[in-house]
Amino acid sequence: MKKLKLIPRFKNENAEAEFWATHDSTDYFDIDKAVINPSFPNLKLSTRTITIRVSESLLNALKRIANKKDVPYQSLVKIFLDEKVREEDVYSRSING
């Protein structure tokens, strides 16, 4: 069994990216001890702010529904978008697939 090297501390993500681009990870990790399905419960996905234009009536309806569900209307919009995208994705895969 080969002796694994210690991973250095990095100043920032760019320094880390440069390091891994020029070094073999098998010198630093034992692949036989790899976790197959890791869990990252506290990982926050990157988000991006967007602007969309909707009619006043649609916005009012979203706010009414959000109020009934006791969630901010922006969160409700994200939930609805996520559900619809997943639904369309499954449908597309079943047709194309």
Protein backbone atom coordinates (compact mmCIF):
# COMPACT_ATOMS: atom_id res chain seq x y z
CA MET A 1 0.00 0.00 0.00
CA LYS A 2 1.48 3.33 -1.01
CA LYS A 3 1.75 6.20 1.43
CA LEU A 4 -0.72 8.97 0.62
CA LYS A 5 0.44 12.57 0.36
CA LEU A 6 -1.13 15.30 2.49
CA ILE A 7 -3.45 17.70 0.71
CA PRO A 8 -2.12 21.25 1.04
CA ARG A 9 -4.17 24.20 2.29
CA PHE A 10 -5.35 26.45 -0.50
CA LYS A 11 -5.69 30.24 -0.49
CA ASN A 12 -8.82 30.10 -2.65
CA GLU A 13 -10.77 27.96 -5.09
CA ASN A 14 -8.62 29.05 -8.04
CA ALA A 15 -5.46 27.85 -6.28
CA GLU A 16 -7.17 24.55 -5.51
CA ALA A 17 -8.37 24.15 -9.10
CA GLU A 18 -4.85 24.80 -10.41
CA PHE A 19 -3.43 22.25 -7.97
CA TRP A 20 -5.83 19.46 -8.96
CA ALA A 21 -5.35 20.23 -12.65
CA THR A 22 -1.66 19.39 -12.28
CA HIS A 23 -1.68 16.63 -9.63
CA ASP A 24 -2.92 13.05 -9.60
CA SER A 25 -5.68 12.63 -7.01
CA THR A 26 -4.72 8.97 -6.45
CA ASP A 27 -1.57 10.26 -4.73
CA TYR A 28 -3.85 11.89 -2.13
CA PHE A 29 -6.87 9.59 -1.85
CA ASP A 30 -7.32 5.84 -1.42
CA ILE A 31 -9.91 5.03 -4.08
CA ASP A 32 -10.80 1.79 -2.30
CA LYS A 33 -12.14 3.83 0.63
CA ALA A 34 -14.28 6.12 -1.51
CA VAL A 35 -17.86 6.75 -0.40
CA ILE A 36 -20.18 5.56 -3.14
CA ASN A 37 -23.25 7.75 -2.44
CA PRO A 38 -22.15 10.68 -0.30
CA SER A 39 -24.73 12.88 1.39
CA PHE A 40 -24.40 16.65 1.62
CA PRO A 41 -27.38 17.75 3.73
CA ASN A 42 -26.10 21.30 4.29
CA LEU A 43 -25.03 21.97 0.71
CA LYS A 44 -26.72 25.05 -0.70
CA LEU A 45 -27.15 25.12 -4.44
CA SER A 46 -25.90 28.14 -6.30
CA THR A 47 -28.70 30.47 -7.24
CA ARG A 48 -29.03 33.25 -9.74
CA THR A 49 -31.41 36.16 -9.65
CA ILE A 50 -33.64 36.55 -12.69
CA THR A 51 -36.38 38.95 -13.67
CA ILE A 52 -39.61 37.85 -15.29
CA ARG A 53 -42.64 39.87 -16.28
CA VAL A 54 -46.04 38.48 -15.32
CA SER A 55 -49.51 39.92 -15.45
CA GLU A 56 -50.94 41.60 -12.34
CA SER A 57 -53.63 38.92 -12.15
CA LEU A 58 -51.07 36.10 -12.21
CA LEU A 59 -48.97 37.81 -9.54
CA ASN A 60 -52.05 38.37 -7.37
CA ALA A 61 -53.07 34.72 -7.77
CA LEU A 62 -49.57 33.57 -6.83
CA LYS A 63 -49.61 35.79 -3.76
CA ARG A 64 -53.05 34.47 -2.72
CA ILE A 65 -51.95 30.84 -3.06
CA ALA A 66 -48.66 31.54 -1.28
CA ASN A 67 -50.53 33.22 1.55
CA LYS A 68 -52.79 30.16 1.95
CA LYS A 69 -49.71 27.92 2.03
CA ASP A 70 -47.89 30.34 4.38
CA VAL A 71 -44.82 30.67 2.13
CA PRO A 72 -43.31 33.69 0.36
CA TYR A 73 -44.68 33.97 -3.17
CA GLN A 74 -41.15 33.88 -4.67
CA SER A 75 -40.60 30.51 -2.96
CA LEU A 76 -43.91 29.27 -4.30
CA VAL A 77 -42.89 30.27 -7.83
CA LYS A 78 -39.64 28.29 -7.44
CA ILE A 79 -41.59 25.27 -6.18
CA PHE A 80 -44.03 25.47 -9.11
CA LEU A 81 -41.20 25.88 -11.63
CA ASP A 82 -39.27 22.97 -10.15
CA GLU A 83 -42.33 20.70 -10.22
CA LYS A 84 -43.17 21.58 -13.81
CA VAL A 85 -39.59 21.19 -15.05
CA ARG A 86 -39.32 17.75 -13.40
CA GLU A 87 -42.68 16.76 -14.90
CA GLU A 88 -41.64 17.87 -18.39
CA ASP A 89 -38.26 16.19 -17.99
CA VAL A 90 -39.86 12.84 -17.15
CA TYR A 91 -42.34 13.24 -20.00
CA SER A 92 -39.57 14.08 -22.49
CA ARG A 93 -37.52 11.08 -21.41
CA SER A 94 -40.48 8.73 -21.74
CA ILE A 95 -41.18 9.94 -25.28
CA ASN A 96 -37.56 10.11 -26.45
CA GLY A 97 -36.37 7.30 -24.59
